[in-house]
Amino acid sequence: MKKSASPTRRDRIPCMLADLKMPGALEELDPILQRVDSAQLTAGEAIETLLGAQITLRNNRRLQAAMRSSRLPAVKTLSDFDFTFQPSIRREQIESLHELGFIDRKENVVFLGPPGVGKTHLAIALAISAAQSGRRVYYGTLADLINSLEEAQAASRLQQRLKVLTHPSLLIVDEIGYLPISRTGAMLFFQLMSRRYEHASTVLTSNKSFEEWGDVLGDEVMAAALIDRLLHHCHIVNIRGNSYRVRNHSHLWKQADSEEDESNRRRRRRSLRPQEVAMD
């Protein structure tokens, strides 16, 4: 009886990857081995590329799961941010934050600046980095978070909701100061921030300076207590610059100005007497 041939190494590797549940590496195995055969990759480079494919798939899955659970409104990354348009930002500070040590130390980050300068972009980019590293994140505007707390309070589930919002390693609180909030809402938000104080990191964005937070919350004493907790362990990024959104539509402003100038010239010519038009 003819003895069956033993599986070759190339036969065993896919089985091993499948057994280890490494679909990303398994999908890229054949093209990587072809590059090894053609001497485009060394054995070490092939292993690195194979593992990199698996890591990429894992990170993409983490990101997809985070987008579903965290309510992030969009995918915005640090590589997409135009630092040349906002020279007031220290790039090294932002890159340092993306190492995520502040989350391990349970520190906060506050982005301050006028509308449109990139505060939300940078906050979401930190959330994306945190999600890709396996940390749990949650995003909400201040108004949305307060609405959820008020609804929970009305349904006698406030403590449960506070627990849910305290748990994520990183909470993004966006758009502080854009919409008015009630005193009850401000008190609920203060409770949330007090619970997260020294327990988990929070990233906040605001178009108001800290001196104006008393007006935002409707209570100077509460605002001072909140700011005191936030700033105890905090990184502040104060952005001074023009709006990205205005920049993206600058051609429309120029076109409108040009059309307005032409309209004014025509109006002026119509108001002149014939001899004045000839001299114009």
Protein backbone atom coordinates (compact mmCIF):
# COMPACT_ATOMS: atom_id res chain seq x y z
CA MET A 1 0.00 0.00 0.00
CA LYS A 2 1.38 3.39 -1.02
CA LYS A 3 2.16 5.63 1.93
CA SER A 4 0.54 9.07 1.73
CA ALA A 5 2.87 12.04 1.65
CA SER A 6 3.25 14.04 4.82
CA PRO A 7 1.90 17.59 4.73
CA THR A 8 4.52 20.11 3.70
CA ARG A 9 5.38 23.20 5.71
CA ARG A 10 3.30 25.23 3.27
CA ASP A 11 0.36 22.96 3.97
CA ARG A 12 0.82 23.19 7.74
CA ILE A 13 1.19 26.98 8.04
CA PRO A 14 -2.39 27.83 6.91
CA CYS A 15 -3.75 25.22 9.30
CA MET A 16 -1.72 26.69 12.13
CA LEU A 17 -2.92 30.22 11.37
CA ALA A 18 -6.50 29.00 11.24
CA ASP A 19 -6.06 27.17 14.54
CA LEU A 20 -4.65 30.33 16.10
CA LYS A 21 -7.61 32.29 14.70
CA MET A 22 -5.47 34.67 12.66
CA PRO A 23 -7.63 35.38 9.58
CA GLY A 24 -5.74 38.54 8.68
CA ALA A 25 -2.45 36.67 8.45
CA LEU A 26 -4.11 33.74 6.69
CA GLU A 27 -5.55 36.01 4.00
CA GLU A 28 -2.15 37.54 3.25
CA LEU A 29 -0.15 34.28 3.48
CA ASP A 30 -0.05 33.34 -0.21
CA PRO A 31 1.10 36.75 -1.56
CA ILE A 32 3.71 36.96 1.22
CA LEU A 33 5.08 33.49 0.38
CA GLN A 34 5.20 34.44 -3.30
CA ARG A 35 7.33 37.45 -2.40
CA VAL A 36 9.60 35.19 -0.37
CA ASP A 37 9.96 32.82 -3.34
CA SER A 38 10.94 35.73 -5.60
CA ALA A 39 13.46 36.97 -3.01
CA GLN A 40 11.52 40.20 -2.43
CA LEU A 41 11.22 39.41 1.29
CA THR A 42 13.54 37.74 3.75
CA ALA A 43 12.17 35.24 6.24
CA GLY A 44 12.21 37.87 9.00
CA GLU A 45 10.43 40.42 6.82
CA ALA A 46 7.84 37.82 5.86
CA ILE A 47 7.06 37.07 9.51
CA GLU A 48 6.82 40.78 10.30
CA THR A 49 4.50 41.39 7.33
CA LEU A 50 2.35 38.41 8.27
CA LEU A 51 1.94 39.58 11.85
CA GLY A 52 1.33 43.15 10.67
CA ALA A 53 -1.57 41.96 8.52
CA GLN A 54 -3.16 40.31 11.54
CA ILE A 55 -2.66 43.40 13.71
CA THR A 56 -4.21 45.60 11.03
CA LEU A 57 -7.28 43.37 10.84
CA ARG A 58 -7.58 43.33 14.65
CA ASN A 59 -7.33 47.13 14.85
CA ASN A 60 -9.91 47.57 12.11
CA ARG A 61 -12.31 45.26 13.93
CA ARG A 62 -11.74 47.13 17.18
CA LEU A 63 -12.43 50.39 15.41
CA GLN A 64 -15.64 49.07 13.86
CA ALA A 65 -16.81 47.81 17.24
CA ALA A 66 -15.88 51.13 18.85
CA MET A 67 -17.77 53.10 16.22
CA ARG A 68 -20.88 51.07 17.03
CA SER A 69 -20.64 51.24 20.83
CA SER A 70 -19.01 54.64 21.37
CA ARG A 71 -21.32 56.69 19.11
CA LEU A 72 -18.38 58.43 17.48
CA PRO A 73 -19.86 60.61 14.71
CA ALA A 74 -17.01 60.08 12.24
CA VAL A 75 -13.54 58.64 11.77
CA LYS A 76 -11.02 61.46 12.15
CA THR A 77 -7.36 60.63 12.62
CA LEU A 78 -4.26 62.61 13.51
CA SER A 79 -2.78 62.02 10.05
CA ASP A 80 -5.76 63.90 8.57
CA PHE A 81 -5.19 67.00 10.69
CA ASP A 82 -3.58 70.03 9.00
CA PHE A 83 -1.11 71.41 11.53
CA THR A 84 0.12 74.00 9.04
CA PHE A 85 -3.28 75.71 9.19
CA GLN A 86 -3.21 75.91 13.01
CA PRO A 87 0.35 76.94 13.96
CA SER A 88 -0.79 77.75 17.52
CA ILE A 89 -0.97 74.01 18.23
CA ARG A 90 2.20 72.32 19.46
CA ARG A 91 2.36 69.20 17.31
CA GLU A 92 4.65 67.43 19.76
CA GLN A 93 2.02 67.86 22.50
CA ILE A 94 -0.71 66.27 20.36
CA GLU A 95 1.55 63.41 19.26
CA SER A 96 2.51 62.81 22.88
CA LEU A 97 -1.18 62.59 23.84
CA HIS A 98 -1.65 59.96 21.12
CA GLU A 99 0.74 57.70 23.00
CA LEU A 100 -2.23 57.44 25.42
CA GLY A 101 -0.21 57.66 28.60
CA PHE A 102 -2.70 60.23 29.88
CA ILE A 103 -5.38 57.51 29.88
CA ASP A 104 -3.23 55.20 31.98
CA ARG A 105 -2.64 58.07 34.40
CA LYS A 106 -6.38 58.97 34.35
CA GLU A 107 -5.67 62.53 33.24
CA ASN A 108 -7.96 64.84 31.27
CA VAL A 109 -7.55 66.82 28.05
CA VAL A 110 -9.35 70.09 27.29
CA PHE A 111 -9.41 71.63 23.80
CA LEU A 112 -10.35 75.32 23.85
CA GLY A 113 -10.88 77.61 20.88
CA PRO A 114 -13.42 79.27 18.59
CA PRO A 115 -15.71 77.20 16.36
CA GLY A 116 -14.18 75.37 13.42
CA VAL A 117 -10.53 75.26 14.50
CA GLY A 118 -10.29 71.47 14.82
CA LYS A 119 -11.19 70.77 18.47
CA THR A 120 -13.64 67.98 17.67
CA HIS A 121 -11.27 66.48 15.08
CA LEU A 122 -8.46 66.21 17.61
CA ALA A 123 -10.77 64.85 20.32
CA ILE A 124 -12.14 62.15 18.01
CA ALA A 125 -8.63 61.29 16.83
CA LEU A 126 -7.68 60.56 20.45
CA ALA A 127 -10.79 58.41 20.80
CA ILE A 128 -9.89 56.49 17.64
CA SER A 129 -6.37 55.83 18.93
CA ALA A 130 -7.76 54.68 22.27
CA ALA A 131 -10.28 52.36 20.57
CA GLN A 132 -7.59 50.85 18.36
CA SER A 133 -5.55 50.09 21.47
CA GLY A 134 -8.46 48.13 22.93
CA ARG A 135 -9.75 50.76 25.35
CA ARG A 136 -13.44 51.46 25.71
CA VAL A 137 -14.49 54.95 24.60
CA TYR A 138 -17.72 56.92 24.49
CA TYR A 139 -18.59 60.15 22.66
CA GLY A 140 -21.34 62.68 23.25
CA THR A 141 -21.99 66.38 22.99
CA LEU A 142 -22.66 68.06 26.32
CA ALA A 143 -26.31 68.52 25.35
CA ASP A 144 -26.72 64.84 24.39
CA LEU A 145 -25.07 63.58 27.57
CA ILE A 146 -27.23 65.82 29.75
CA ASN A 147 -30.38 64.75 27.89
CA SER A 148 -29.52 61.11 28.52
CA LEU A 149 -28.93 61.83 32.22
CA GLU A 150 -32.20 63.75 32.54
CA GLU A 151 -34.12 60.94 30.83
CA ALA A 152 -32.48 58.41 33.15
CA GLN A 153 -33.38 60.50 36.17
CA ALA A 154 -37.00 60.73 35.03
CA ALA A 155 -37.08 56.94 34.63
CA SER A 156 -35.44 56.37 38.07
CA ARG A 157 -32.33 54.96 36.36
CA LEU A 158 -29.90 57.80 37.05
CA GLN A 159 -27.42 55.76 39.08
CA GLN A 160 -27.31 53.10 36.40
CA ARG A 161 -26.72 55.69 33.68
CA LEU A 162 -23.98 57.40 35.70
CA LYS A 163 -22.29 54.02 36.13
CA VAL A 164 -22.42 53.36 32.39
CA LEU A 165 -20.86 56.75 31.60
CA THR A 166 -18.22 56.41 34.31
CA HIS A 167 -16.97 53.05 33.03
CA PRO A 168 -15.31 53.96 29.67
CA SER A 169 -11.56 54.54 29.80
CA LEU A 170 -12.10 57.66 27.69
CA LEU A 171 -15.18 59.88 27.55
CA ILE A 172 -15.41 62.64 24.93
CA VAL A 173 -17.59 65.60 25.95
CA ASP A 174 -17.95 67.79 22.87
CA GLU A 175 -19.37 71.29 22.31
CA ILE A 176 -19.40 72.73 25.81
CA GLY A 177 -20.89 76.21 25.53
CA TYR A 178 -22.67 75.85 22.22
CA LEU A 179 -26.17 75.31 23.64
CA PRO A 180 -27.76 76.51 26.88
CA ILE A 181 -28.32 73.90 29.59
CA SER A 182 -30.64 73.84 32.56
CA ARG A 183 -29.46 74.06 36.15
CA THR A 184 -30.63 70.48 36.67
CA GLY A 185 -28.63 69.41 33.65
CA ALA A 186 -25.56 71.21 34.95
CA MET A 187 -25.88 69.45 38.32
CA LEU A 188 -26.16 66.06 36.61
CA PHE A 189 -23.10 66.78 34.49
CA PHE A 190 -21.20 67.80 37.62
CA GLN A 191 -22.13 64.46 39.21
CA LEU A 192 -20.78 62.61 36.18
CA MET A 193 -17.49 64.51 36.16
CA SER A 194 -17.10 64.01 39.92
CA ARG A 195 -17.48 60.27 39.46
CA ARG A 196 -14.90 60.16 36.69
CA TYR A 197 -12.44 62.33 38.65
CA GLU A 198 -9.24 60.31 39.15
CA HIS A 199 -11.04 57.18 37.95
CA ALA A 200 -11.03 57.66 34.17
CA SER A 201 -9.95 60.18 31.53
CA THR A 202 -12.21 62.73 29.89
CA VAL A 203 -11.56 64.82 26.78
CA LEU A 204 -13.62 68.02 26.59
CA THR A 205 -13.98 70.63 23.85
CA SER A 206 -15.33 74.14 24.34
CA ASN A 207 -15.61 77.41 22.49
CA LYS A 208 -15.74 79.20 25.86
CA SER A 209 -12.85 80.11 28.12
CA PHE A 210 -12.89 78.69 31.64
CA GLU A 211 -13.96 82.14 32.92
CA GLU A 212 -17.18 81.75 30.91
CA TRP A 213 -18.09 78.27 32.15
CA GLY A 214 -20.04 79.81 35.02
CA ASP A 215 -22.43 81.28 32.45
CA VAL A 216 -22.56 77.95 30.59
CA LEU A 217 -23.49 76.00 33.73
CA GLY A 218 -25.54 78.80 35.26
CA ASP A 219 -23.64 78.56 38.53
CA GLU A 220 -20.23 80.13 39.22
CA VAL A 221 -19.56 77.97 42.30
CA MET A 222 -20.39 74.72 40.51
CA ALA A 223 -18.29 75.75 37.52
CA ALA A 224 -15.32 76.53 39.78
CA ALA A 225 -15.61 73.14 41.49
CA LEU A 226 -15.86 71.37 38.14
CA ILE A 227 -12.88 73.20 36.66
CA ASP A 228 -10.88 72.48 39.83
CA ARG A 229 -11.41 68.73 39.33
CA LEU A 230 -10.72 68.84 35.61
CA LEU A 231 -7.51 70.83 35.88
CA HIS A 232 -6.04 68.80 38.75
CA HIS A 233 -4.66 66.31 36.21
CA CYS A 234 -5.12 67.96 32.82
CA HIS A 235 -3.55 68.82 29.47
CA ILE A 236 -4.88 72.05 27.97
CA VAL A 237 -4.72 72.70 24.22
CA ASN A 238 -5.67 76.30 23.46
CA ILE A 239 -6.22 76.73 19.72
CA ARG A 240 -6.05 80.22 18.28
CA GLY A 241 -6.67 80.32 14.56
CA ASN A 242 -9.09 80.47 11.68
CA SER A 243 -11.94 78.09 11.01
CA TYR A 244 -11.32 75.08 8.77
CA ARG A 245 -14.88 75.32 7.54
CA VAL A 246 -14.42 78.95 6.48
CA ARG A 247 -11.17 77.98 4.76
CA ASN A 248 -12.89 75.17 2.86
CA HIS A 249 -15.47 77.63 1.55
CA SER A 250 -13.16 80.60 1.01
CA HIS A 251 -13.64 80.40 -2.74
CA LEU A 252 -17.36 80.98 -2.22
CA TRP A 253 -16.66 84.10 -0.15
CA LYS A 254 -14.32 85.40 -2.86
CA GLN A 255 -16.91 84.65 -5.54
CA ALA A 256 -19.62 86.41 -3.52
CA ASP A 257 -17.38 89.45 -2.97
CA SER A 258 -16.56 89.56 -6.67
CA GLU A 259 -20.22 89.34 -7.65
CA GLU A 260 -21.12 92.03 -5.12
CA ASP A 261 -18.41 94.35 -6.51
CA GLU A 262 -19.64 93.81 -10.07
CA SER A 263 -23.24 94.44 -8.97
CA ASN A 264 -22.21 97.67 -7.28
CA ARG A 265 -20.37 98.81 -10.42
CA ARG A 266 -23.42 98.15 -12.60
CA ARG A 267 -25.69 99.94 -10.16
CA ARG A 268 -23.37 102.93 -10.14
CA ARG A 269 -23.19 103.03 -13.94
CA ARG A 270 -26.97 102.97 -14.22
CA SER A 271 -27.22 105.94 -11.86
CA LEU A 272 -24.83 108.08 -13.92
CA ARG A 273 -25.85 110.44 -16.72
CA PRO A 274 -24.70 109.42 -20.26
CA GLN A 275 -21.78 111.84 -20.35
CA GLU A 276 -20.61 110.68 -16.92
CA VAL A 277 -20.66 107.05 -18.07
CA ALA A 278 -18.44 107.97 -21.00
CA MET A 279 -15.97 109.62 -18.67
CA ASP A 280 -16.05 106.71 -16.12
